[in-house]
Protein backbone atom coordinates (compact mmCIF):
# COMPACT_ATOMS: atom_id res chain seq x y z
CA MET A 1 15.35 13.16 -10.35
CA THR A 2 16.89 9.86 -11.48
CA ILE A 3 20.05 8.62 -9.81
CA GLU A 4 22.30 6.21 -11.70
CA VAL A 5 24.25 3.64 -9.71
CA LYS A 6 26.84 1.27 -11.10
CA VAL A 7 26.79 -2.16 -9.44
CA ASN A 8 29.36 -4.95 -9.24
CA ASP A 9 28.21 -6.81 -12.35
CA ASN A 10 28.93 -3.73 -14.50
CA ALA A 11 25.21 -3.30 -15.20
CA LYS A 12 23.85 0.20 -14.71
CA LYS A 13 20.94 0.42 -12.25
CA GLN A 14 18.54 3.33 -12.10
CA ILE A 15 17.14 4.49 -8.79
CA LEU A 16 13.82 6.30 -9.06
CA ARG A 17 12.56 8.78 -6.53
CA LEU A 18 8.91 8.95 -5.50
CA PRO A 19 7.65 11.30 -8.26
CA GLU A 20 9.01 8.95 -10.93
CA VAL A 21 7.56 5.86 -9.23
CA LYS A 22 4.21 7.67 -9.06
CA SER A 23 4.43 8.51 -12.76
CA LYS A 24 5.43 4.99 -13.84
CA SER A 25 2.91 3.19 -11.64
CA GLY A 26 0.00 5.61 -11.81
CA LEU A 27 -0.30 5.37 -8.00
CA SER A 28 -0.47 8.18 -5.47
CA SER A 29 2.15 8.57 -2.74
CA SER A 30 -0.23 7.24 -0.12
CA SER A 31 -1.07 4.20 -2.28
CA ILE A 32 2.61 3.41 -2.75
CA TYR A 33 3.28 3.56 0.98
CA ALA A 34 0.09 1.58 1.71
CA LYS A 35 1.33 -1.20 -0.55
CA MET A 36 4.53 -1.36 1.52
CA ASP A 37 2.71 -1.50 4.89
CA PRO A 38 2.43 -5.16 5.93
CA LYS A 39 -0.26 -4.30 8.49
CA GLY A 40 -2.48 -2.42 6.06
CA PRO A 41 -5.35 -3.73 3.96
CA SER A 42 -3.67 -2.60 0.71
CA HIS A 43 -0.38 -4.38 1.41
CA ASP A 44 1.19 -5.91 -1.69
CA PRO A 45 4.02 -8.29 -0.77
CA PHE A 46 5.27 -8.09 -4.36
CA PHE A 47 5.70 -4.31 -4.37
CA PRO A 48 9.44 -3.50 -4.43
CA LYS A 49 11.08 -2.43 -1.22
CA PRO A 50 12.72 0.99 -1.29
CA VAL A 51 16.46 1.55 -1.10
CA GLN A 52 17.68 3.82 1.70
CA LEU A 53 19.63 6.69 0.13
CA GLY A 54 20.40 8.52 3.34
CA GLY A 55 18.63 10.28 6.17
CA ARG A 56 15.00 10.28 5.12
CA ALA A 57 15.57 9.78 1.39
CA VAL A 58 14.53 6.57 -0.35
CA GLY A 59 14.34 5.40 -3.92
CA TRP A 60 13.25 2.34 -5.86
CA ILE A 61 15.23 0.31 -8.38
CA GLU A 62 13.65 0.96 -11.76
CA SER A 63 13.93 -2.64 -12.97
CA GLU A 64 12.08 -3.84 -9.85
CA ILE A 65 9.28 -1.31 -10.41
CA ASP A 66 9.08 -2.42 -14.06
CA ALA A 67 8.92 -6.09 -12.99
CA TRP A 68 6.12 -5.28 -10.52
CA ILE A 69 4.17 -3.46 -13.24
CA ASP A 70 4.62 -6.51 -15.51
CA LEU A 71 3.34 -8.72 -12.68
CA CYS A 72 0.27 -6.50 -12.24
CA ILE A 73 -0.46 -6.76 -15.96
CA GLU A 74 -0.01 -10.53 -15.89
CA ARG A 75 -2.30 -10.91 -12.86
CA SER A 76 -4.98 -8.72 -14.43
CA ARG A 77 -4.87 -10.70 -17.68
CA LYS A 78 -5.25 -14.00 -15.82
CA ASP A 79 -8.39 -12.67 -14.14
CA CYS A 80 -9.86 -12.11 -17.60
CA GLU A 81 -9.37 -15.70 -18.78
C-alpha cells in the first residue's frame, strides 16, 4: 500500500510501507531494521529513518529510499575504481 501525502511546498510525497521498501531495496525486513539499529553491526547511518504513521505503523519517504539506493550504487562504483 502506498500512501500519498501533500506537503507544504505543494510537492507530492509518497510514503512506502515495509513491503514496498523491501521490493525497492531488495532487502529483507530484518535487514532493513538492522540497518536502522545504531547498536548493531549492520547499522547504516545513511539509511532513511521511518515516519511514524500511528500506533505501530511506520513508513518511509520514497524519495529518501531512492536517494539511499543511489548512494549505495555510487559507493559500490567507487569501490570498483
